[in-house]
Amino acid sequence: MHYLLGLLLALMSLSVFAQVPQQFELVYRFTFNGQYLGKVTDRFQRLSGQQYQLTSVAKPEGNLALLLPTLSLTSKGAFKPQQLVPTSYRQVRSNAPQKAAQASLDWSRKLLTHQYKGKSEQEALPSGTQDALSQLYVFSIMENLPGKFEMPVTNGRQLLTYRYEKHPAESIVTPLGSFETVEYRRIAGPDENAISVWVAPALYHLPLRIRVKEDSGVFEQHLIGMNYRAT
């Protein structure tokens, strides 16, 4: 059954991977330094017109649910051919809603507004800016995967520059089957988090695995479930 599912998705992806889907839901196994924490659920939905909403909820399970907060990310915006155009971003922890980090992207005025801990700051909005969530899904609407690319990224607190470089990668085994992947590795500076995203051409260039290395340790997400509707 896994083979048939993989074959079907591979054939479909040849014609639709660069299109914006109607909706999808991805479920990931979430770990920190190899220890299981819980699940991350990412959902994408096309709204009225050319609008989208993308959410990510990292929810601890078991005893850790009593100790660790739920982290929720929301990106809203518009989509164009091979491009996501976020207009708002919000990141909030369930135990500290008053410390939510938010960004407003005003493309008509080319103005980026950050709001964090009661403070509001504005700066020029560079072309092609993504947010911390949407930047993981720009691969899925690209017609071709480039060798290198960079983009400005807001995390709700500040504007950063993410530079990614493509690397060959191994097959990744998931409950959906085994898939060939391409790794995009962030070219990080001394004080920047190291990020790797493994995308699968046979699964619409969606992330099968995500790894973020911080000073405190390594967070990883591994895809364990998927529901995708192209139209």
Protein backbone atom coordinates (compact mmCIF):
# COMPACT_ATOMS: atom_id res chain seq x y z
CA MET A 1 0.00 0.00 0.00
CA HIS A 2 2.85 2.38 0.82
CA TYR A 3 4.35 1.65 -2.58
CA LEU A 4 1.09 2.47 -4.37
CA LEU A 5 0.65 5.67 -2.36
CA GLY A 6 4.20 6.75 -3.12
CA LEU A 7 3.80 6.00 -6.83
CA LEU A 8 0.52 7.91 -7.03
CA LEU A 9 1.95 10.94 -5.27
CA ALA A 10 5.05 10.87 -7.47
CA LEU A 11 2.95 10.90 -10.63
CA MET A 12 0.68 13.65 -9.34
CA SER A 13 3.57 15.81 -8.17
CA LEU A 14 4.98 16.11 -11.70
CA SER A 15 2.12 18.42 -12.63
CA VAL A 16 0.92 19.99 -9.38
CA PHE A 17 3.86 20.49 -7.00
CA ALA A 18 4.40 24.08 -8.12
CA GLN A 19 0.73 24.98 -7.66
CA VAL A 20 -0.82 26.32 -4.49
CA PRO A 21 -2.88 23.50 -2.90
CA GLN A 22 -6.40 23.90 -1.63
CA GLN A 23 -5.39 22.65 1.79
CA PHE A 24 -3.09 20.26 3.60
CA GLU A 25 -2.34 18.94 7.05
CA LEU A 26 1.05 17.58 8.07
CA VAL A 27 1.75 15.86 11.38
CA TYR A 28 5.29 15.57 12.72
CA ARG A 29 6.96 13.68 15.53
CA PHE A 30 8.76 16.32 17.61
CA THR A 31 11.99 15.69 19.56
CA PHE A 32 14.62 17.63 21.48
CA ASN A 33 18.11 16.12 21.63
CA GLY A 34 16.49 12.84 20.62
CA GLN A 35 13.89 12.88 23.41
CA TYR A 36 10.26 12.65 22.30
CA LEU A 37 8.28 15.77 23.21
CA GLY A 38 5.01 15.46 21.30
CA LYS A 39 3.57 16.33 17.91
CA VAL A 40 3.60 19.32 15.58
CA THR A 41 0.61 19.84 13.30
CA ASP A 42 0.91 22.21 10.34
CA ARG A 43 -2.20 23.21 8.39
CA PHE A 44 -2.52 25.22 5.19
CA GLN A 45 -5.83 26.49 3.85
CA ARG A 46 -6.78 28.65 0.92
CA LEU A 47 -9.28 31.29 1.98
CA SER A 48 -11.47 33.49 -0.19
CA GLY A 49 -9.80 35.05 -3.21
CA GLN A 50 -6.04 34.60 -3.33
CA GLN A 51 -5.62 34.45 0.45
CA TYR A 52 -4.10 31.74 2.64
CA GLN A 53 -3.75 30.83 6.29
CA LEU A 54 -0.92 28.64 7.56
CA THR A 55 -0.76 27.43 11.16
CA SER A 56 1.66 25.31 13.16
CA VAL A 57 0.92 23.95 16.63
CA ALA A 58 3.63 22.19 18.65
CA LYS A 59 1.87 20.35 21.48
CA PRO A 60 3.73 18.39 24.18
CA GLU A 61 2.30 15.03 25.22
CA GLY A 62 2.28 12.86 28.34
CA ASN A 63 3.89 14.25 31.47
CA LEU A 64 5.62 16.93 29.42
CA ALA A 65 2.22 18.50 28.71
CA LEU A 66 2.21 19.61 32.35
CA LEU A 67 5.65 21.18 32.10
CA LEU A 68 5.98 22.60 28.59
CA PRO A 69 3.73 25.12 26.81
CA THR A 70 2.00 24.70 23.48
CA LEU A 71 3.62 26.85 20.79
CA SER A 72 1.35 28.23 18.06
CA LEU A 73 2.45 30.00 14.87
CA THR A 74 0.09 31.66 12.38
CA SER A 75 0.95 33.11 8.99
CA LYS A 76 -1.66 34.86 6.85
CA GLY A 77 -1.30 36.45 3.46
CA ALA A 78 -1.76 36.11 -0.28
CA PHE A 79 -0.35 33.75 -2.86
CA LYS A 80 0.90 34.49 -6.32
CA PRO A 81 2.50 32.26 -8.96
CA GLN A 82 5.41 30.51 -7.20
CA GLN A 83 5.24 32.98 -4.32
CA LEU A 84 3.76 33.29 -0.84
CA VAL A 85 3.20 36.90 0.26
CA PRO A 86 2.62 37.00 4.04
CA THR A 87 0.79 40.00 5.49
CA SER A 88 0.75 38.99 9.17
CA TYR A 89 2.56 36.61 11.49
CA ARG A 90 1.98 35.68 15.14
CA GLN A 91 3.92 33.41 17.50
CA VAL A 92 2.55 32.69 20.97
CA ARG A 93 3.18 30.28 23.84
CA SER A 94 0.21 29.04 25.84
CA ASN A 95 1.85 29.98 29.16
CA ALA A 96 2.75 33.54 28.10
CA PRO A 97 0.16 34.99 25.68
CA GLN A 98 1.16 38.49 26.77
CA LYS A 99 4.58 37.90 25.20
CA ALA A 100 3.29 37.06 21.72
CA ALA A 101 5.60 38.11 18.90
CA GLN A 102 3.77 39.62 15.93
CA ALA A 103 4.64 41.09 12.56
CA SER A 104 2.53 43.12 10.14
CA LEU A 105 3.75 43.30 6.54
CA ASP A 106 2.26 46.28 4.69
CA TRP A 107 3.26 45.75 1.07
CA SER A 108 1.51 48.87 -0.23
CA ARG A 109 3.67 51.06 2.01
CA LYS A 110 6.62 48.64 2.09
CA LEU A 111 6.51 48.83 5.87
CA LEU A 112 7.26 46.05 8.38
CA THR A 113 5.94 46.43 11.94
CA HIS A 114 7.13 44.22 14.82
CA GLN A 115 5.23 44.00 18.11
CA TYR A 116 6.80 42.23 21.07
CA LYS A 117 6.49 42.68 24.85
CA GLY A 118 4.38 45.79 24.45
CA LYS A 119 6.83 47.49 22.09
CA SER A 120 6.22 48.34 18.45
CA GLU A 121 8.99 48.97 15.94
CA GLN A 122 8.85 49.72 12.23
CA GLU A 123 11.32 49.34 9.39
CA ALA A 124 11.44 49.08 5.62
CA LEU A 125 9.89 45.91 4.20
CA PRO A 126 12.26 44.22 1.71
CA SER A 127 10.90 42.50 -1.37
CA GLY A 128 10.37 38.76 -0.93
CA THR A 129 10.15 38.85 2.88
CA GLN A 130 8.77 35.68 4.49
CA ASP A 131 7.92 34.88 8.09
CA ALA A 132 9.36 32.13 10.27
CA LEU A 133 6.58 29.72 9.27
CA SER A 134 5.96 30.54 5.60
CA GLN A 135 9.68 30.26 4.82
CA LEU A 136 9.46 26.49 5.38
CA TYR A 137 6.89 26.17 2.60
CA VAL A 138 8.32 28.35 -0.16
CA PHE A 139 9.88 25.18 -1.61
CA SER A 140 6.42 23.68 -2.22
CA ILE A 141 5.41 26.33 -4.76
CA MET A 142 8.73 26.63 -6.58
CA GLU A 143 8.77 25.29 -10.13
CA ASN A 144 12.46 24.40 -9.82
CA LEU A 145 14.56 23.93 -6.71
CA PRO A 146 17.54 26.34 -6.88
CA GLY A 147 21.06 25.51 -5.74
CA LYS A 148 21.16 28.55 -3.45
CA PHE A 149 18.76 31.29 -2.50
CA GLU A 150 18.21 33.83 0.24
CA MET A 151 15.25 35.67 1.69
CA PRO A 152 14.50 38.15 4.46
CA VAL A 153 12.56 36.46 7.29
CA THR A 154 10.66 38.03 10.18
CA ASN A 155 10.14 36.11 13.41
CA GLY A 156 7.88 38.77 14.92
CA ARG A 157 10.75 40.36 16.82
CA GLN A 158 13.32 41.19 14.18
CA LEU A 159 14.14 40.83 10.50
CA LEU A 160 16.79 38.26 9.61
CA THR A 161 18.36 37.01 6.39
CA TYR A 162 18.10 33.28 5.67
CA ARG A 163 20.51 31.85 3.11
CA TYR A 164 19.86 28.27 2.01
CA GLU A 165 22.07 25.92 0.03
CA LYS A 166 20.91 22.67 -1.59
CA HIS A 167 22.63 19.40 -0.69
CA PRO A 168 22.03 15.85 -1.90
CA ALA A 169 20.23 13.81 0.72
CA GLU A 170 19.30 10.22 1.45
CA SER A 171 15.94 8.52 1.30
CA ILE A 172 13.77 9.14 4.34
CA VAL A 173 11.47 6.42 5.62
CA THR A 174 8.10 7.61 6.92
CA PRO A 175 4.79 5.89 7.75
CA LEU A 176 3.73 7.03 4.26
CA GLY A 177 6.61 5.19 2.63
CA SER A 178 10.23 5.87 1.67
CA PHE A 179 10.97 9.06 -0.29
CA GLU A 180 14.00 10.59 -1.93
CA THR A 181 14.72 14.03 -0.52
CA VAL A 182 16.70 17.20 -1.10
CA GLU A 183 18.27 18.92 1.89
CA TYR A 184 18.30 22.71 2.16
CA ARG A 185 20.85 23.79 4.73
CA ARG A 186 20.97 27.29 6.13
CA ILE A 187 24.31 29.03 5.69
CA ALA A 188 24.39 30.29 9.27
CA GLY A 189 26.69 32.78 10.91
CA PRO A 190 28.33 32.31 14.36
CA ASP A 191 25.28 33.64 16.26
CA GLU A 192 22.58 32.15 14.03
CA ASN A 193 20.61 28.93 14.42
CA ALA A 194 21.59 26.14 12.06
CA ILE A 195 18.54 24.96 10.12
CA SER A 196 18.09 22.06 7.70
CA VAL A 197 14.91 21.28 5.78
CA TRP A 198 14.51 18.02 3.85
CA VAL A 199 11.90 18.29 1.10
CA ALA A 200 10.55 15.46 -1.05
CA PRO A 201 9.93 16.02 -4.79
CA ALA A 202 7.35 13.20 -4.73
CA LEU A 203 5.43 14.94 -1.94
CA TYR A 204 4.99 18.38 -3.52
CA HIS A 205 8.36 19.57 -2.10
CA LEU A 206 6.82 19.60 1.38
CA PRO A 207 9.16 19.18 4.39
CA LEU A 208 9.65 15.59 5.52
CA ARG A 209 12.16 16.53 8.16
CA ILE A 210 13.15 19.80 9.85
CA ARG A 211 16.13 20.27 12.17
CA VAL A 212 16.97 23.40 14.15
CA LYS A 213 20.17 23.54 16.16
CA GLU A 214 20.20 26.18 18.90
CA ASP A 215 22.56 26.83 21.80
CA SER A 216 20.27 24.79 24.04
CA GLY A 217 20.20 21.74 21.77
CA VAL A 218 18.68 20.24 18.64
CA PHE A 219 14.98 20.26 17.79
CA GLU A 220 13.76 17.89 15.09
CA GLN A 221 10.49 17.19 13.31
CA HIS A 222 9.83 13.99 11.34
CA LEU A 223 6.74 13.61 9.16
CA ILE A 224 4.38 10.85 10.34
CA GLY A 225 1.06 11.85 8.76
CA MET A 226 -0.27 13.80 5.79
CA ASN A 227 -3.59 14.85 4.26
CA TYR A 228 -3.25 16.83 1.02
CA ARG A 229 -5.92 18.22 -1.30
CA ALA A 230 -4.66 19.85 -4.47
CA THR A 231 -7.95 21.40 -5.64
